[in-house]
Amino acid sequence: MFSENGVISGRQICRLMIVESVGVLMLLLPDIVGHHASGLLSLTVGFLITLLHICLVFYLIRQKEGHKLGFVLKCFGVISVVKCVILCTALLLFVWQVVNDVLLPQKSNALLMAVWVIFALYVASMGSEARGRLGEAAYYLVLVPLGIFVLLCYWHMGKEGRAVEFAPIADGMQADAWYIILMRGVLYSISLAPVELLFWNRDTFAHAARTKRKIVGAICLLAAIAFLFSAAAIGILGIEGIRDAKHSVMAVAGCLQVTGAVVMQKQGLVLLFFLFSMLVATGSLIFFAVHILRQIFVEKNTMRAENSHMKRMAIWRKPFVCVGVLVWLLAMIWCEIFPEQKDTEQEALAAEAEIEDRAYCTCIAIDCGSDGKYQFTLELAMSEKDKSNIVVYEEKNLSEVAKKYDADSNKELDISHLQVLVFGEEVMQSGDYLAIIQEFGSSDLYFGSTLLVRTKMTGQEFLTSYKKENDSVGVHIRKRFEQGLKEEKAQLSDVYFDWLNSGDAKRILQKIPQI
C-alpha cells in the first residue's frame, strides 16, 4: 500500500481521495438531508457519517494490499470526475465572487491577488516538471497557494471586524444553499490535504521519527491533530459564520458530543477555537509546503543521478521562492500600515440611500391568529434615528410577513437588528412558541443575541405600554436586562440549543422571563 522512499504512488492517491470523498459527504449530507428538517435529524446524520468516515479510515490503514478494495477502485473513476467538476465549478464561482466583490474595488487587495496568481502559476510549473509525480504535485502543491488565498481572505475580513463571516459568500449569496455546500467541500479539501499526506505517506513520518529530529516528528503529529480540528473550523464553522446556529453546526456538535460538544454552544469559545485552528493551519501549511518542495526537488530519493539539469534548476528556485514569500508578506504589511483611503462622501451617500430603502425592525410580538396563522406585531423605524411605528400582519411565518411588507411599502424589511422577540399568552399556552424558536434559530439570519420574553398582554398592548419617547421598545427592553434588573435575560441562541439538546418544554418555558 505504501511505496518506497516516502514517495506517494498513484494507488495511494486514489485511496486517499476515496477517504476525502467520504469526508466531503460527512459535511454535505447533513445539509442536504436536513435542509428542511429538524436539527435532531441533521445531528444524527452527521454522527453516523462521521462514524462511517472513521471506520473507513482505519479499515484502509490496516490493509497491506489493495486487492480487497479492487471493486472500489474500478468505480472510482466516475466519482473522481464528478468530484473534480464540482470542485472546479465551485472554485471558479468563488474566485469570480472574490474578484468582483472584494479585490477589484480595492487596489491593495488586487496587489495581493496578483502575488497569489504568480505564486500559484510558479507552483504549477514546478508540479509539471515533477516527472512521474504529476498527480502528487498537482494535488498538494496547488492546494498550498489556494489555502494561502483562503487564509488571506480571512485576514482581510479580520481587518474590517468581520472575522466570523466569510464575506464573499455572506454578501449577496446567502440564499444559494448549493453554492455554500460546494464551497464547504472545497474548503474541506484544502484543510484536510496535509492530514491525508501524513496518513498515506507513512514512510516520511517514520523516517522523521527514527532520526534525531524528534521535534519534526512531533510537529507532524501535532499538525495532523490540529488539521482535523481546522477542517471542522474552516469547512463548517467558518463558511456560514461562527455565530450562526445552523444545522451544520449541530452536526459537528453531534460528532463531538462525547468529547464535550457543549463548548460549541458558547460563542466565545467557538471563536477562540476557530482562531487557534486558523493559526495552526497557517503554520502547518507553510511547514508542509517546505517539506513537499524538498521532497520533490531537493532530496536525493526524488532525484535521479541523470537529472542534473533538474538539480541545477532546484538551486536557483530557492531564492525565487524566498523572494516570492517575502513580497507577499511585505504586501500584507503595507496594506495593514497604509490602508487605502476611501471616498467617505460617496460612502455616506450610498449608506443614506440604502437606509431610505429599508425599514428596521427592533421588536416583534407574536400572538395566535385565525386559520392556523399568527399575528405579528412589528415595531419599525425607517432609519436608525427616526421614531418607530407599529404595524400588524397575520401570516403563517415571518418570511411571509417580510414579502407582504416589501410588496405594500416598496421597502425592504430588515430584521437583522431584532432586539426582542415577545410571545403572547395564547402562543405560550398552545406550545407554538417552540416551533417559532425552532424557525428563528435555524434561520439564515443571525438572531443569536435576540432576547426572548413572554407577556400576558397582546402584542399591540405590549408595544404600546412599553413605547418610549426617545427610544424603541426593543432597545428599552434590552436596556432593562443589561442594567441588571430582577428578570434574568434569555437569549435566542441559548434557548434554541437547550431545546435541541434537552427537548424539555417545561425547562424552556421557565427560561423565558415574563414581563
Protein backbone atom coordinates (compact mmCIF):
# COMPACT_ATOMS: atom_id res chain seq x y z
CA MET A 1 0.00 0.00 0.00
CA PHE A 2 2.87 2.35 0.84
CA SER A 3 5.54 2.94 -1.74
CA GLU A 4 9.24 3.09 -1.03
CA ASN A 5 11.36 6.11 -0.15
CA GLY A 6 8.39 8.12 1.04
CA VAL A 7 7.05 8.82 -2.49
CA ILE A 8 3.30 8.65 -2.86
CA SER A 9 2.06 6.33 -5.59
CA GLY A 10 -0.98 6.69 -7.80
CA ARG A 11 -2.78 3.92 -5.92
CA GLN A 12 -2.25 5.76 -2.65
CA ILE A 13 -3.66 8.96 -4.10
CA CYS A 14 -6.76 7.10 -5.31
CA ARG A 15 -7.41 5.60 -1.90
CA LEU A 16 -6.63 8.90 -0.26
CA MET A 17 -9.25 10.63 -2.42
CA ILE A 18 -11.81 7.95 -1.53
CA VAL A 19 -11.43 8.86 2.12
CA GLU A 20 -11.64 12.54 1.25
CA SER A 21 -14.84 11.96 -0.74
CA VAL A 22 -16.39 10.28 2.28
CA GLY A 23 -15.21 13.22 4.37
CA VAL A 24 -16.88 15.65 1.98
CA LEU A 25 -20.10 13.64 2.25
CA MET A 26 -19.75 13.87 6.02
CA LEU A 27 -20.04 17.65 5.66
CA LEU A 28 -22.54 17.87 2.82
CA LEU A 29 -25.10 15.21 3.72
CA PRO A 30 -26.36 16.87 6.92
CA ASP A 31 -27.16 19.99 4.91
CA ILE A 32 -28.75 18.09 2.02
CA VAL A 33 -30.82 15.77 4.20
CA GLY A 34 -31.62 18.18 6.99
CA HIS A 35 -32.16 21.36 5.00
CA HIS A 36 -35.89 21.34 5.69
CA ALA A 37 -35.78 19.02 8.71
CA SER A 38 -35.15 19.40 12.39
CA GLY A 39 -31.74 19.91 13.93
CA LEU A 40 -32.00 16.48 15.56
CA LEU A 41 -32.10 14.77 12.15
CA SER A 42 -29.01 16.64 10.97
CA LEU A 43 -27.27 15.83 14.24
CA THR A 44 -27.99 12.11 13.82
CA VAL A 45 -26.94 12.01 10.17
CA GLY A 46 -23.74 13.92 10.91
CA PHE A 47 -22.85 11.48 13.69
CA LEU A 48 -23.48 8.39 11.52
CA ILE A 49 -21.49 9.75 8.57
CA THR A 50 -18.63 10.69 10.89
CA LEU A 51 -18.63 7.16 12.32
CA LEU A 52 -18.54 5.74 8.79
CA HIS A 53 -15.64 8.04 7.90
CA ILE A 54 -13.60 6.91 10.92
CA CYS A 55 -14.29 3.22 10.23
CA LEU A 56 -13.24 3.57 6.59
CA VAL A 57 -10.01 5.35 7.53
CA PHE A 58 -8.99 2.62 9.99
CA TYR A 59 -10.01 -0.08 7.51
CA LEU A 60 -7.81 1.37 4.78
CA ILE A 61 -4.86 1.86 7.10
CA ARG A 62 -4.93 -1.79 8.18
CA GLN A 63 -4.85 -3.07 4.60
CA LYS A 64 -1.38 -4.03 3.38
CA GLU A 65 -2.55 -4.87 -0.12
CA GLY A 66 -5.13 -3.27 -2.33
CA HIS A 67 -6.92 -6.35 -3.68
CA LYS A 68 -9.78 -6.08 -1.18
CA LEU A 69 -10.68 -2.64 -2.49
CA GLY A 70 -10.41 -3.50 -6.17
CA PHE A 71 -14.13 -3.11 -6.75
CA VAL A 72 -13.99 0.38 -5.22
CA LEU A 73 -11.12 1.45 -7.46
CA LYS A 74 -12.98 0.25 -10.58
CA CYS A 75 -15.90 2.58 -9.96
CA PHE A 76 -13.77 5.38 -8.53
CA GLY A 77 -13.09 6.88 -11.96
CA VAL A 78 -16.64 8.19 -12.31
CA ILE A 79 -16.64 9.51 -8.75
CA SER A 80 -13.34 11.29 -9.34
CA VAL A 81 -14.57 13.03 -12.50
CA VAL A 82 -17.80 14.20 -10.85
CA LYS A 83 -15.96 15.41 -7.76
CA CYS A 84 -13.38 17.32 -9.79
CA VAL A 85 -16.08 19.02 -11.88
CA ILE A 86 -17.96 20.06 -8.74
CA LEU A 87 -14.86 21.39 -7.02
CA CYS A 88 -13.63 23.23 -10.12
CA THR A 89 -17.05 24.82 -10.65
CA ALA A 90 -17.21 25.92 -7.04
CA LEU A 91 -13.66 27.26 -7.21
CA LEU A 92 -14.44 29.33 -10.31
CA LEU A 93 -17.57 30.74 -8.66
CA PHE A 94 -15.59 31.53 -5.53
CA VAL A 95 -12.78 33.31 -7.40
CA TRP A 96 -15.29 35.21 -9.53
CA GLN A 97 -17.17 36.34 -6.42
CA VAL A 98 -14.00 37.41 -4.63
CA VAL A 99 -12.58 39.29 -7.62
CA ASN A 100 -15.82 41.21 -8.23
CA ASP A 101 -16.85 41.95 -4.64
CA VAL A 102 -13.61 42.13 -2.68
CA LEU A 103 -10.49 42.55 -4.77
CA LEU A 104 -11.39 44.82 -7.67
CA PRO A 105 -12.77 47.71 -5.55
CA GLN A 106 -9.52 47.86 -3.55
CA LYS A 107 -6.11 48.23 -5.17
CA SER A 108 -4.28 46.80 -2.15
CA ASN A 109 -6.15 43.52 -2.39
CA ALA A 110 -5.63 43.47 -6.15
CA LEU A 111 -1.89 43.52 -5.46
CA LEU A 112 -2.23 40.55 -3.14
CA MET A 113 -4.32 38.79 -5.76
CA ALA A 114 -1.58 39.32 -8.35
CA VAL A 115 1.07 37.95 -5.98
CA TRP A 116 -1.12 34.92 -5.31
CA VAL A 117 -1.62 34.27 -9.04
CA ILE A 118 2.13 34.47 -9.70
CA PHE A 119 2.84 32.10 -6.84
CA ALA A 120 0.14 29.66 -7.98
CA LEU A 121 1.49 29.60 -11.56
CA TYR A 122 5.01 29.11 -10.29
CA VAL A 123 3.96 26.17 -8.11
CA ALA A 124 2.00 24.69 -11.01
CA SER A 125 5.08 24.92 -13.25
CA MET A 126 7.12 23.07 -10.64
CA GLY A 127 4.45 20.39 -10.45
CA SER A 128 4.52 19.92 -14.23
CA GLU A 129 8.25 19.14 -14.07
CA ALA A 130 7.85 16.50 -11.34
CA ARG A 131 8.31 13.52 -13.65
CA GLY A 132 6.16 10.57 -12.67
CA ARG A 133 4.65 12.52 -9.79
CA LEU A 134 2.35 14.91 -11.60
CA GLY A 135 -0.71 13.74 -9.65
CA GLU A 136 1.09 14.25 -6.37
CA ALA A 137 2.37 17.70 -7.29
CA ALA A 138 -0.96 18.90 -8.67
CA TYR A 139 -2.96 17.52 -5.76
CA TYR A 140 -0.89 19.03 -2.96
CA LEU A 141 1.22 21.91 -4.25
CA VAL A 142 -1.64 23.70 -5.99
CA LEU A 143 -3.62 23.45 -2.75
CA VAL A 144 -0.91 25.36 -0.88
CA PRO A 145 -1.36 28.74 -2.67
CA LEU A 146 -5.11 28.16 -2.74
CA GLY A 147 -5.08 27.61 1.01
CA ILE A 148 -2.98 30.74 1.49
CA PHE A 149 -5.51 32.67 -0.61
CA VAL A 150 -8.39 31.50 1.58
CA LEU A 151 -6.48 32.42 4.73
CA LEU A 152 -5.76 35.81 3.15
CA CYS A 153 -9.49 36.37 2.74
CA TYR A 154 -10.00 35.62 6.43
CA TRP A 155 -7.18 38.03 7.29
CA HIS A 156 -8.78 40.74 5.16
CA MET A 157 -12.11 40.27 6.92
CA GLY A 158 -10.38 40.44 10.29
CA LYS A 159 -9.17 43.94 9.40
CA GLU A 160 -12.77 45.00 8.83
CA GLY A 161 -14.06 43.39 12.01
CA ARG A 162 -15.76 40.57 10.10
CA ALA A 163 -13.56 37.67 11.12
CA VAL A 164 -16.55 35.46 11.94
CA GLU A 165 -18.13 35.66 8.48
CA PHE A 166 -16.94 34.54 5.08
CA ALA A 167 -17.51 37.79 3.20
CA PRO A 168 -17.59 36.60 -0.45
CA ILE A 169 -20.36 34.15 0.41
CA ALA A 170 -22.18 36.20 3.02
CA ASP A 171 -22.58 39.18 0.69
CA GLY A 172 -25.27 38.57 -1.88
CA MET A 173 -25.22 34.78 -2.00
CA GLN A 174 -26.70 33.71 1.35
CA ALA A 175 -29.83 32.28 -0.24
CA ASP A 176 -27.91 30.00 -2.59
CA ALA A 177 -27.63 26.89 -0.41
CA TRP A 178 -25.94 24.80 -3.10
CA TYR A 179 -23.17 27.37 -3.51
CA ILE A 180 -22.47 27.17 0.21
CA ILE A 181 -22.44 23.37 0.06
CA LEU A 182 -19.95 23.39 -2.82
CA MET A 183 -17.68 25.86 -1.08
CA ARG A 184 -17.70 23.79 2.09
CA GLY A 185 -16.41 20.86 0.07
CA VAL A 186 -13.61 22.99 -1.39
CA LEU A 187 -12.52 24.32 1.98
CA TYR A 188 -12.68 20.84 3.48
CA SER A 189 -10.38 19.51 0.76
CA ILE A 190 -7.89 22.33 1.33
CA SER A 191 -7.79 22.00 5.09
CA LEU A 192 -7.56 18.20 5.21
CA ALA A 193 -4.94 17.62 2.49
CA PRO A 194 -1.90 17.74 4.82
CA VAL A 195 -3.56 15.26 7.18
CA GLU A 196 -4.06 12.87 4.29
CA LEU A 197 -0.40 13.29 3.39
CA LEU A 198 0.54 12.01 6.85
CA PHE A 199 -1.93 9.12 6.67
CA TRP A 200 -0.74 7.80 3.33
CA ASN A 201 2.93 8.82 3.33
CA ARG A 202 3.78 6.87 6.45
CA ASP A 203 7.41 6.32 5.46
CA THR A 204 8.13 10.04 5.60
CA PHE A 205 6.67 10.32 9.09
CA ALA A 206 8.51 7.18 10.27
CA HIS A 207 11.80 8.50 8.85
CA ALA A 208 11.39 11.74 10.78
CA ALA A 209 10.62 9.82 13.97
CA ARG A 210 13.62 7.47 13.62
CA THR A 211 16.14 10.25 13.20
CA LYS A 212 17.38 12.64 15.83
CA ARG A 213 14.93 15.24 14.57
CA LYS A 214 12.30 14.25 17.12
CA ILE A 215 10.92 17.75 17.01
CA VAL A 216 9.99 17.27 13.34
CA GLY A 217 8.01 14.15 14.17
CA ALA A 218 6.24 15.95 17.00
CA ILE A 219 5.34 18.84 14.69
CA CYS A 220 3.92 16.39 12.14
CA LEU A 221 1.77 14.71 14.78
CA LEU A 222 0.52 17.99 16.25
CA ALA A 223 -0.18 19.36 12.78
CA ALA A 224 -2.22 16.28 11.91
CA ILE A 225 -4.34 16.64 15.05
CA ALA A 226 -4.71 20.39 14.58
CA PHE A 227 -5.78 20.00 10.97
CA LEU A 228 -8.56 17.62 11.96
CA PHE A 229 -10.00 20.45 14.05
CA SER A 230 -9.10 23.02 11.41
CA ALA A 231 -11.12 21.09 8.84
CA ALA A 232 -14.18 21.45 11.04
CA ALA A 233 -13.46 25.11 11.79
CA ILE A 234 -12.82 26.18 8.20
CA GLY A 235 -15.24 23.88 6.43
CA ILE A 236 -18.20 24.13 8.80
CA LEU A 237 -17.99 26.96 11.30
CA GLY A 238 -16.25 29.49 9.08
CA ILE A 239 -18.33 29.02 5.97
CA GLU A 240 -21.60 30.36 7.37
CA GLY A 241 -20.34 32.39 10.28
CA ILE A 242 -19.41 31.05 13.69
CA ARG A 243 -22.30 32.86 15.34
CA ASP A 244 -24.86 31.27 13.02
CA ALA A 245 -26.54 28.37 14.85
CA LYS A 246 -27.45 26.27 11.83
CA HIS A 247 -27.93 22.54 11.29
CA SER A 248 -24.36 22.02 10.14
CA VAL A 249 -23.04 23.35 13.45
CA MET A 250 -25.33 20.94 15.28
CA ALA A 251 -23.96 18.12 13.14
CA VAL A 252 -20.49 18.96 14.40
CA ALA A 253 -21.83 19.06 17.94
CA GLY A 254 -23.24 15.58 17.39
CA CYS A 255 -19.88 14.32 16.18
CA LEU A 256 -18.11 15.73 19.24
CA GLN A 257 -20.84 15.12 21.83
CA VAL A 258 -18.77 12.61 23.78
CA THR A 259 -15.73 14.90 23.98
CA GLY A 260 -17.58 17.94 25.26
CA ALA A 261 -19.67 19.40 22.45
CA VAL A 262 -21.33 21.72 24.92
CA VAL A 263 -18.46 24.18 24.38
CA MET A 264 -19.62 24.59 20.77
CA GLN A 265 -22.69 26.41 22.12
CA LYS A 266 -20.60 29.16 23.69
CA GLN A 267 -19.84 31.75 21.07
CA GLY A 268 -16.65 33.00 22.73
CA LEU A 269 -15.10 29.54 22.99
CA VAL A 270 -16.04 28.72 19.41
CA LEU A 271 -14.39 31.93 18.25
CA LEU A 272 -11.19 31.13 20.16
CA PHE A 273 -11.25 27.58 18.82
CA PHE A 274 -11.63 28.90 15.28
CA LEU A 275 -8.83 31.45 15.60
CA PHE A 276 -6.49 28.84 17.11
CA SER A 277 -7.25 26.43 14.28
CA MET A 278 -6.59 29.11 11.70
CA LEU A 279 -3.25 29.94 13.36
CA VAL A 280 -2.17 26.30 13.40
CA ALA A 281 -3.43 25.84 9.84
CA THR A 282 -1.29 28.72 8.58
CA GLY A 283 1.85 27.38 10.24
CA SER A 284 1.17 23.84 9.11
CA LEU A 285 0.58 24.93 5.52
CA ILE A 286 3.98 26.62 5.46
CA PHE A 287 5.64 23.59 7.05
CA PHE A 288 4.12 21.13 4.60
CA ALA A 289 4.85 23.40 1.63
CA VAL A 290 8.56 23.45 2.51
CA HIS A 291 8.55 19.71 3.23
CA ILE A 292 6.94 18.78 -0.10
CA LEU A 293 9.20 21.13 -2.06
CA ARG A 294 12.24 19.48 -0.50
CA GLN A 295 10.84 16.02 -1.14
CA ILE A 296 10.28 16.65 -4.84
CA PHE A 297 13.13 18.97 -5.84
CA VAL A 298 15.96 18.63 -3.33
CA GLU A 299 16.13 15.25 -1.54
CA LYS A 300 18.19 12.52 -3.14
CA ASN A 301 15.43 9.92 -3.06
CA THR A 302 13.44 12.04 -5.51
CA MET A 303 16.39 12.95 -7.69
CA ARG A 304 17.96 10.51 -10.09
CA ALA A 305 21.60 10.80 -10.99
CA GLU A 306 20.94 11.65 -14.62
CA ASN A 307 18.64 14.56 -13.75
CA SER A 308 21.48 17.02 -13.24
CA HIS A 309 19.56 19.71 -15.10
CA MET A 310 16.67 19.41 -12.65
CA LYS A 311 19.11 19.61 -9.75
CA ARG A 312 20.62 22.84 -11.10
CA MET A 313 17.14 24.28 -11.52
CA ALA A 314 16.34 23.45 -7.90
CA ILE A 315 19.28 25.61 -6.77
CA TRP A 316 18.02 28.84 -8.34
CA ARG A 317 14.44 28.08 -7.32
CA LYS A 318 15.23 28.61 -3.65
CA PRO A 319 15.87 32.37 -3.77
CA PHE A 320 12.90 32.80 -6.09
CA VAL A 321 10.61 31.13 -3.55
CA CYS A 322 12.07 33.20 -0.71
CA VAL A 323 11.62 36.43 -2.66
CA GLY A 324 8.04 35.49 -3.55
CA VAL A 325 7.09 34.79 0.06
CA LEU A 326 8.87 37.97 1.19
CA VAL A 327 6.96 40.08 -1.35
CA TRP A 328 3.69 38.52 -0.18
CA LEU A 329 4.45 39.32 3.47
CA LEU A 330 5.56 42.86 2.65
CA ALA A 331 2.36 43.42 0.67
CA MET A 332 0.30 42.34 3.67
CA ILE A 333 2.27 44.64 5.99
CA TRP A 334 1.98 47.55 3.53
CA CYS A 335 -1.79 47.17 3.28
CA GLU A 336 -2.04 46.96 7.06
CA ILE A 337 0.03 50.09 7.73
CA PHE A 338 -1.20 52.17 4.79
CA PRO A 339 -4.81 51.17 4.13
CA GLU A 340 -6.38 52.61 1.04
CA GLN A 341 -8.17 55.90 1.61
CA LYS A 342 -11.84 55.52 0.77
CA ASP A 343 -14.17 58.16 -0.51
CA THR A 344 -16.14 58.82 2.66
CA GLU A 345 -18.54 61.22 0.99
CA GLN A 346 -19.64 58.67 -1.61
CA GLU A 347 -19.93 56.01 1.07
CA ALA A 348 -22.13 58.29 3.16
CA LEU A 349 -24.43 58.97 0.20
CA ALA A 350 -24.65 55.27 -0.61
CA ALA A 351 -25.39 54.43 3.02
CA GLU A 352 -28.08 57.13 3.18
CA ALA A 353 -29.74 55.79 0.03
CA GLU A 354 -29.60 52.27 1.44
CA ILE A 355 -31.20 53.37 4.71
CA GLU A 356 -34.07 55.05 2.86
CA ASP A 357 -34.88 51.76 1.15
CA ARG A 358 -35.04 49.79 4.38
CA ALA A 359 -37.28 49.53 7.42
CA TYR A 360 -35.55 48.39 10.59
CA CYS A 361 -37.43 46.01 12.89
CA THR A 362 -36.31 46.11 16.54
CA CYS A 363 -39.14 44.22 18.24
CA ILE A 364 -41.64 41.55 17.17
CA ALA A 365 -44.62 40.43 19.27
CA ILE A 366 -46.37 37.20 18.23
CA ASP A 367 -49.96 36.23 19.10
CA CYS A 368 -52.26 33.48 17.87
CA GLY A 369 -54.35 34.39 14.85
CA SER A 370 -57.06 32.68 12.83
CA ASP A 371 -56.86 29.74 10.40
CA GLY A 372 -53.55 28.50 11.81
CA LYS A 373 -51.84 31.85 11.30
CA TYR A 374 -50.01 34.10 13.74
CA GLN A 375 -50.49 37.78 14.41
CA PHE A 376 -47.14 39.54 14.03
CA THR A 377 -46.89 43.00 15.59
CA LEU A 378 -43.72 44.71 14.38
CA GLU A 379 -42.02 47.84 15.64
CA LEU A 380 -40.41 49.52 12.62
CA ALA A 381 -38.18 52.54 12.02
CA MET A 382 -37.47 53.99 8.59
CA SER A 383 -33.95 54.80 9.82
CA GLU A 384 -31.96 54.24 12.97
CA LYS A 385 -32.72 57.80 14.14
CA ASP A 386 -36.38 58.10 13.14
CA LYS A 387 -39.23 57.42 15.54
CA SER A 388 -40.68 53.94 15.33
CA ASN A 389 -44.16 52.95 14.23
CA ILE A 390 -46.18 49.76 14.76
CA VAL A 391 -47.61 47.54 12.00
CA VAL A 392 -49.63 44.33 12.31
CA TYR A 393 -49.72 41.36 9.91
CA GLU A 394 -51.44 37.99 10.15
CA GLU A 395 -49.40 35.33 8.35
CA LYS A 396 -48.09 31.80 8.86
CA ASN A 397 -44.44 32.77 9.33
CA LEU A 398 -42.07 35.73 9.34
CA SER A 399 -40.90 35.23 5.76
CA GLU A 400 -44.48 35.75 4.53
CA VAL A 401 -44.67 38.92 6.62
CA ALA A 402 -41.48 40.22 5.01
CA LYS A 403 -42.79 39.51 1.50
CA LYS A 404 -46.09 41.23 2.19
CA TYR A 405 -44.42 44.27 3.75
CA ASP A 406 -42.00 44.60 0.83
CA ALA A 407 -44.91 44.49 -1.62
CA ASP A 408 -47.04 47.00 0.31
CA SER A 409 -44.38 49.59 1.14
CA ASN A 410 -41.74 49.11 -1.61
CA LYS A 411 -39.17 48.92 1.19
CA GLU A 412 -37.02 46.06 2.39
CA LEU A 413 -37.84 44.74 5.85
CA ASP A 414 -34.54 44.48 7.73
CA ILE A 415 -34.88 42.16 10.74
CA SER A 416 -31.15 41.68 11.31
CA HIS A 417 -31.30 44.30 14.10
CA LEU A 418 -34.04 42.47 16.00
CA GLN A 419 -33.59 43.14 19.72
CA VAL A 420 -36.56 41.42 21.39
CA LEU A 421 -38.99 38.65 20.43
CA VAL A 422 -42.20 38.71 22.50
CA PHE A 423 -44.60 35.76 22.92
CA GLY A 424 -48.22 36.43 23.80
CA GLU A 425 -50.11 34.38 26.39
CA GLU A 426 -52.05 32.29 23.85
CA VAL A 427 -48.88 31.34 21.99
CA MET A 428 -47.27 30.18 25.23
CA GLN A 429 -50.32 28.15 26.28
CA SER A 430 -50.64 26.42 22.90
CA GLY A 431 -46.94 25.49 22.83
CA ASP A 432 -46.43 27.13 19.44
CA TYR A 433 -43.56 29.16 20.86
CA LEU A 434 -41.34 26.08 20.49
CA ALA A 435 -41.96 25.96 16.73
CA ILE A 436 -41.27 29.69 16.48
CA ILE A 437 -37.98 29.32 18.38
CA GLN A 438 -37.06 26.48 16.02
CA GLU A 439 -37.81 28.65 12.97
CA PHE A 440 -35.83 31.64 14.21
CA GLY A 441 -32.93 29.53 15.49
CA SER A 442 -32.47 27.69 12.18
CA SER A 443 -32.87 30.82 10.05
CA ASP A 444 -30.16 32.00 7.64
CA LEU A 445 -30.10 35.31 9.51
CA TYR A 446 -28.41 35.63 12.86
CA PHE A 447 -30.80 36.00 15.82
CA GLY A 448 -28.49 34.55 18.48
CA SER A 449 -28.39 37.66 20.70
CA THR A 450 -32.12 38.40 20.37
CA LEU A 451 -33.86 38.39 23.76
CA LEU A 452 -36.97 36.27 24.40
CA VAL A 453 -39.75 37.48 26.70
CA ARG A 454 -43.36 36.44 27.34
CA THR A 455 -46.30 38.54 28.39
CA LYS A 456 -49.98 38.20 29.28
CA MET A 457 -50.83 41.18 27.10
CA THR A 458 -51.44 41.19 23.36
CA GLY A 459 -48.67 42.29 21.05
CA GLN A 460 -50.14 45.72 20.39
CA GLU A 461 -50.80 46.32 24.08
CA PHE A 462 -47.24 45.31 24.95
CA LEU A 463 -45.59 47.56 22.36
CA THR A 464 -47.87 50.47 23.25
CA SER A 465 -47.30 50.19 27.01
CA TYR A 466 -43.50 49.98 26.72
CA LYS A 467 -43.11 52.58 23.97
CA LYS A 468 -40.81 55.43 24.98
CA GLU A 469 -40.48 58.92 23.57
CA ASN A 470 -36.81 58.78 22.61
CA ASP A 471 -36.24 55.05 22.44
CA SER A 472 -37.67 51.99 20.71
CA VAL A 473 -39.34 49.19 22.63
CA GLY A 474 -36.68 46.67 21.63
CA VAL A 475 -33.80 48.86 22.81
CA HIS A 476 -35.68 49.79 26.01
CA ILE A 477 -36.32 46.13 26.95
CA ARG A 478 -32.70 45.20 26.29
CA LYS A 479 -31.50 48.06 28.49
CA ARG A 480 -33.71 46.76 31.31
CA PHE A 481 -31.96 43.40 31.25
CA GLU A 482 -28.48 44.85 30.79
CA GLN A 483 -28.95 47.16 33.78
CA GLY A 484 -29.34 44.09 36.00
CA LEU A 485 -33.00 44.27 36.97
CA LYS A 486 -34.72 41.34 38.67
CA GLU A 487 -35.52 39.45 35.45
CA GLU A 488 -32.82 37.16 34.02
CA LYS A 489 -32.44 37.53 30.26
CA ALA A 490 -32.83 34.61 27.85
CA GLN A 491 -31.01 34.81 24.50
CA LEU A 492 -32.44 33.01 21.50
CA SER A 493 -29.24 31.05 20.80
CA ASP A 494 -29.06 29.66 24.36
CA VAL A 495 -32.73 28.69 24.41
CA TYR A 496 -32.53 27.16 20.92
CA PHE A 497 -29.56 24.95 21.76
CA ASP A 498 -31.11 24.00 25.11
CA TRP A 499 -34.29 22.88 23.35
CA LEU A 500 -32.38 20.80 20.78
CA ASN A 501 -30.27 19.10 23.45
CA SER A 502 -32.86 18.53 26.19
CA GLY A 503 -36.25 18.55 24.44
CA ASP A 504 -37.82 19.63 27.75
CA ALA A 505 -40.64 22.09 27.04
CA LYS A 506 -41.14 22.94 30.72
CA ARG A 507 -37.49 23.83 31.09
CA ILE A 508 -37.68 26.14 28.09
CA LEU A 509 -40.83 27.75 29.48
CA GLN A 510 -39.05 28.51 32.75
CA LYS A 511 -36.08 30.09 30.96
CA ILE A 512 -38.20 32.71 29.15
CA PRO A 513 -38.86 35.62 31.56
CA GLN A 514 -42.30 37.19 31.85
CA ILE A 515 -42.65 40.96 31.95
